[in-house]
């Protein structure tokens, strides 16, 4: 967890605000893949890509 804390402090100090949307999208897609693994929703996710 200290890595995440340091990473977000780095983003704040260096003013890399443009990275926040990228990180949020990656977390959403990662969570979506984990939650729908092996479910009936999986074919619909694959059509997005």
PDB file of N, CA and C in Angstrom:
ATOM      1  N   UNK A   1       0.817  -1.193   0.000  1.00  0.00           N
ATOM      2  CA  UNK A   1       0.000   0.000   0.000  1.00  0.00           C
ATOM      3  C   UNK A   1       0.864   1.262   0.000  1.00  0.00           C
ATOM      4  N   UNK A   2       2.081   1.154   0.498  1.00  0.00           N
ATOM      5  CA  UNK A   2       2.941   2.339   0.516  1.00  0.00           C
ATOM      6  C   UNK A   2       3.298   2.766  -0.904  1.00  0.00           C
ATOM      7  N   UNK A   3       3.358   1.791  -1.821  1.00  0.00           N
ATOM      8  CA  UNK A   3       3.644   2.131  -3.215  1.00  0.00           C
ATOM      9  C   UNK A   3       2.546   3.025  -3.785  1.00  0.00           C
ATOM     10  N   UNK A   4       1.300   2.659  -3.509  1.00  0.00           N
ATOM     11  CA  UNK A   4       0.183   3.463  -4.014  1.00  0.00           C
ATOM     12  C   UNK A   4       0.186   4.853  -3.408  1.00  0.00           C
ATOM     13  N   UNK A   5       0.480   4.932  -2.123  1.00  0.00           N
ATOM     14  CA  UNK A   5       0.539   6.241  -1.463  1.00  0.00           C
ATOM     15  C   UNK A   5       1.627   7.103  -2.086  1.00  0.00           C
ATOM     16  N   UNK A   6       2.806   6.529  -2.279  1.00  0.00           N
ATOM     17  CA  UNK A   6       3.906   7.263  -2.896  1.00  0.00           C
ATOM     18  C   UNK A   6       3.575   7.674  -4.325  1.00  0.00           C
ATOM     19  N   UNK A   7       2.912   6.780  -5.048  1.00  0.00           N
ATOM     20  CA  UNK A   7       2.579   7.066  -6.436  1.00  0.00           C
ATOM     21  C   UNK A   7       1.621   8.254  -6.536  1.00  0.00           C
ATOM     22  N   UNK A   8       0.591   8.268  -5.692  1.00  0.00           N
ATOM     23  CA  UNK A   8      -0.360   9.374  -5.745  1.00  0.00           C
ATOM     24  C   UNK A   8       0.246  10.669  -5.219  1.00  0.00           C
ATOM     25  N   UNK A   9       1.162  10.579  -4.263  1.00  0.00           N
ATOM     26  CA  UNK A   9       1.887  11.776  -3.829  1.00  0.00           C
ATOM     27  C   UNK A   9       2.751  12.309  -4.959  1.00  0.00           C
ATOM     28  N   UNK A  10       3.387  11.413  -5.701  1.00  0.00           N
ATOM     29  CA  UNK A  10       4.184  11.821  -6.860  1.00  0.00           C
ATOM     30  C   UNK A  10       3.316  12.548  -7.880  1.00  0.00           C
ATOM     31  N   UNK A  11       2.112  11.998  -8.136  1.00  0.00           N
ATOM     32  CA  UNK A  11       1.221  12.633  -9.099  1.00  0.00           C
ATOM     33  C   UNK A  11       0.813  14.025  -8.643  1.00  0.00           C
ATOM     34  N   UNK A  12       0.571  14.191  -7.349  1.00  0.00           N
ATOM     35  CA  UNK A  12       0.182  15.505  -6.835  1.00  0.00           C
ATOM     36  C   UNK A  12       1.335  16.500  -6.880  1.00  0.00           C
ATOM     37  N   UNK A  13       2.515  16.039  -6.490  1.00  0.00           N
ATOM     38  CA  UNK A  13       3.670  16.952  -6.443  1.00  0.00           C
ATOM     39  C   UNK A  13       4.088  17.363  -7.845  1.00  0.00           C
ATOM     40  N   UNK A  14       4.144  16.405  -8.756  1.00  0.00           N
ATOM     41  CA  UNK A  14       4.587  16.694 -10.128  1.00  0.00           C
ATOM     42  C   UNK A  14       3.472  17.223 -11.022  1.00  0.00           C
ATOM     43  N   UNK A  15       2.253  17.327 -10.470  1.00  0.00           N
ATOM     44  CA  UNK A  15       1.093  17.840 -11.197  1.00  0.00           C
ATOM     45  C   UNK A  15       0.809  17.049 -12.482  1.00  0.00           C
ATOM     46  N   UNK A  16       0.809  15.744 -12.340  1.00  0.00           N
ATOM     47  CA  UNK A  16       0.503  14.842 -13.459  1.00  0.00           C
ATOM     48  C   UNK A  16      -0.975  14.469 -13.433  1.00  0.00           C
ATOM     49  N   UNK A  17      -1.826  15.478 -13.452  1.00  0.00           N
ATOM     50  CA  UNK A  17      -3.263  15.253 -13.324  1.00  0.00           C
ATOM     51  C   UNK A  17      -3.842  14.508 -14.527  1.00  0.00           C
ATOM     52  N   UNK A  18      -3.171  14.554 -15.656  1.00  0.00           N
ATOM     53  CA  UNK A  18      -3.673  13.876 -16.845  1.00  0.00           C
ATOM     54  C   UNK A  18      -3.589  12.357 -16.710  1.00  0.00           C
ATOM     55  N   UNK A  19      -2.833  11.857 -15.733  1.00  0.00           N
ATOM     56  CA  UNK A  19      -2.745  10.416 -15.528  1.00  0.00           C
ATOM     57  C   UNK A  19      -3.934   9.845 -14.763  1.00  0.00           C
ATOM     58  N   UNK A  20      -4.652  10.683 -14.015  1.00  0.00           N
ATOM     59  CA  UNK A  20      -5.777  10.191 -13.219  1.00  0.00           C
ATOM     60  C   UNK A  20      -6.856   9.508 -14.056  1.00  0.00           C
ATOM     61  N   UNK A  21      -7.307  10.090 -15.167  1.00  0.00           N
ATOM     62  CA  UNK A  21      -8.328   9.382 -15.964  1.00  0.00           C
ATOM     63  C   UNK A  21      -7.839   8.039 -16.500  1.00  0.00           C
ATOM     64  N   UNK A  22      -6.581   7.962 -16.878  1.00  0.00           N
ATOM     65  CA  UNK A  22      -6.028   6.701 -17.385  1.00  0.00           C
ATOM     66  C   UNK A  22      -6.035   5.646 -16.288  1.00  0.00           C
ATOM     67  N   UNK A  23      -5.624   6.022 -15.092  1.00  0.00           N
ATOM     68  CA  UNK A  23      -5.588   5.086 -13.971  1.00  0.00           C
ATOM     69  C   UNK A  23      -6.989   4.621 -13.620  1.00  0.00           C
ATOM     70  N   UNK A  24      -7.944   5.541 -13.608  1.00  0.00           N
ATOM     71  CA  UNK A  24      -9.322   5.190 -13.271  1.00  0.00           C
ATOM     72  C   UNK A  24      -9.898   4.221 -14.295  1.00  0.00           C
ATOM     73  N   UNK A  25      -9.658   4.468 -15.581  1.00  0.00           N
ATOM     74  CA  UNK A  25     -10.167   3.573 -16.628  1.00  0.00           C
ATOM     75  C   UNK A  25      -9.539   2.191 -16.506  1.00  0.00           C
ATOM     76  N   UNK A  26      -8.240   2.132 -16.239  1.00  0.00           N
ATOM     77  CA  UNK A  26      -7.582   0.832 -16.066  1.00  0.00           C
ATOM     78  C   UNK A  26      -8.146   0.073 -14.870  1.00  0.00           C
ATOM     79  N   UNK A  27      -8.414   0.782 -13.773  1.00  0.00           N
ATOM     80  CA  UNK A  27      -8.995   0.129 -12.600  1.00  0.00           C
ATOM     81  C   UNK A  27     -10.405  -0.370 -12.883  1.00  0.00           C
ATOM     82  N   UNK A  28     -11.194   0.419 -13.615  1.00  0.00           N
ATOM     83  CA  UNK A  28     -12.562   0.000 -13.937  1.00  0.00           C
ATOM     84  C   UNK A  28     -12.550  -1.235 -14.820  1.00  0.00           C
ATOM     85  N   UNK A  29     -11.728  -1.238 -15.862  1.00  0.00           N
ATOM     86  CA  UNK A  29     -11.660  -2.402 -16.746  1.00  0.00           C
ATOM     87  C   UNK A  29     -11.096  -3.616 -16.021  1.00  0.00           C
ATOM     88  N   UNK A  30     -10.101  -3.417 -15.159  1.00  0.00           N
ATOM     89  CA  UNK A  30      -9.559  -4.528 -14.385  1.00  0.00           C
ATOM     90  C   UNK A  30     -10.595  -5.127 -13.457  1.00  0.00           C
ATOM     91  N   UNK A  31     -11.346  -4.273 -12.782  1.00  0.00           N
ATOM     92  CA  UNK A  31     -12.413  -4.759 -11.910  1.00  0.00           C
ATOM     93  C   UNK A  31     -13.506  -5.450 -12.691  1.00  0.00           C
ATOM     94  N   UNK A  32     -13.823  -4.929 -13.859  1.00  0.00           N
ATOM     95  CA  UNK A  32     -14.850  -5.540 -14.699  1.00  0.00           C
ATOM     96  C   UNK A  32     -14.434  -6.937 -15.141  1.00  0.00           C
ATOM     97  N   UNK A  33     -13.182  -7.092 -15.497  1.00  0.00           N
ATOM     98  CA  UNK A  33     -12.685  -8.394 -15.931  1.00  0.00           C
ATOM     99  C   UNK A  33     -12.696  -9.383 -14.769  1.00  0.00           C
ATOM    100  N   UNK A  34     -12.286  -8.928 -13.585  1.00  0.00           N
ATOM    101  CA  UNK A  34     -12.258  -9.818 -12.423  1.00  0.00           C
ATOM    102  C   UNK A  34     -13.668 -10.226 -12.026  1.00  0.00           C
ATOM    103  N   UNK A  35     -14.593  -9.282 -12.013  1.00  0.00           N
ATOM    104  CA  UNK A  35     -15.950  -9.572 -11.563  1.00  0.00           C
ATOM    105  C   UNK A  35     -16.745 -10.429 -12.543  1.00  0.00           C
ATOM    106  N   UNK A  36     -16.459 -10.315 -13.835  1.00  0.00           N
ATOM    107  CA  UNK A  36     -17.257 -11.037 -14.822  1.00  0.00           C
ATOM    108  C   UNK A  36     -16.553 -12.270 -15.371  1.00  0.00           C
ATOM    109  N   UNK A  37     -15.460 -12.655 -14.762  1.00  0.00           N
ATOM    110  CA  UNK A  37     -14.720 -13.817 -15.244  1.00  0.00           C
ATOM    111  C   UNK A  37     -15.583 -15.067 -15.105  1.00  0.00           C
ATOM    112  N   UNK A  38     -15.818 -15.710 -16.221  1.00  0.00           N
ATOM    113  CA  UNK A  38     -16.588 -16.936 -16.220  1.00  0.00           C
ATOM    114  C   UNK A  38     -18.087 -16.730 -16.126  1.00  0.00           C
ATOM    115  N   UNK A  39     -18.562 -15.550 -16.417  1.00  0.00           N
ATOM    116  CA  UNK A  39     -20.004 -15.323 -16.319  1.00  0.00           C
ATOM    117  C   UNK A  39     -20.612 -15.176 -17.710  1.00  0.00           C
ATOM    118  N   UNK A  40     -21.901 -14.969 -17.736  1.00  0.00           N
ATOM    119  CA  UNK A  40     -22.611 -14.827 -19.006  1.00  0.00           C
ATOM    120  C   UNK A  40     -22.397 -13.446 -19.619  1.00  0.00           C
ATOM    121  N   UNK A  41     -21.803 -12.531 -18.879  1.00  0.00           N
ATOM    122  CA  UNK A  41     -21.578 -11.176 -19.383  1.00  0.00           C
ATOM    123  C   UNK A  41     -20.311 -11.107 -20.235  1.00  0.00           C
ATOM    124  N   UNK A  42     -19.427 -12.088 -20.104  1.00  0.00           N
ATOM    125  CA  UNK A  42     -18.135 -12.073 -20.781  1.00  0.00           C
ATOM    126  C   UNK A  42     -18.239 -11.868 -22.292  1.00  0.00           C
ATOM    127  N   UNK A  43     -19.152 -12.520 -23.026  1.00  0.00           N
ATOM    128  CA  UNK A  43     -19.216 -12.285 -24.478  1.00  0.00           C
ATOM    129  C   UNK A  43     -19.535 -10.841 -24.848  1.00  0.00           C
ATOM    130  N   UNK A  44     -20.282 -10.166 -24.011  1.00  0.00           N
ATOM    131  CA  UNK A  44     -20.607  -8.765 -24.292  1.00  0.00           C
ATOM    132  C   UNK A  44     -19.428  -7.851 -24.059  1.00  0.00           C
ATOM    133  N   UNK A  45     -18.566  -8.200 -23.103  1.00  0.00           N
ATOM    134  CA  UNK A  45     -17.374  -7.405 -22.851  1.00  0.00           C
ATOM    135  C   UNK A  45     -16.403  -7.542 -24.009  1.00  0.00           C
ATOM    136  N   UNK A  46     -16.276  -8.747 -24.554  1.00  0.00           N
ATOM    137  CA  UNK A  46     -15.341  -8.956 -25.645  1.00  0.00           C
ATOM    138  C   UNK A  46     -15.744  -8.179 -26.897  1.00  0.00           C
ATOM    139  N   UNK A  47     -17.022  -7.906 -27.071  1.00  0.00           N
ATOM    140  CA  UNK A  47     -17.433  -7.142 -28.244  1.00  0.00           C
ATOM    141  C   UNK A  47     -17.032  -5.687 -28.142  1.00  0.00           C
ATOM    142  N   UNK A  48     -16.731  -5.195 -26.931  1.00  0.00           N
ATOM    143  CA  UNK A  48     -16.286  -3.815 -26.764  1.00  0.00           C
ATOM    144  C   UNK A  48     -14.893  -3.613 -27.344  1.00  0.00           C
ATOM    145  N   UNK A  49     -14.100  -4.677 -27.374  1.00  0.00           N
ATOM    146  CA  UNK A  49     -12.731  -4.547 -27.854  1.00  0.00           C
ATOM    147  C   UNK A  49     -12.607  -5.154 -29.220  1.00  0.00           C
TER     148      UNK A  49
END
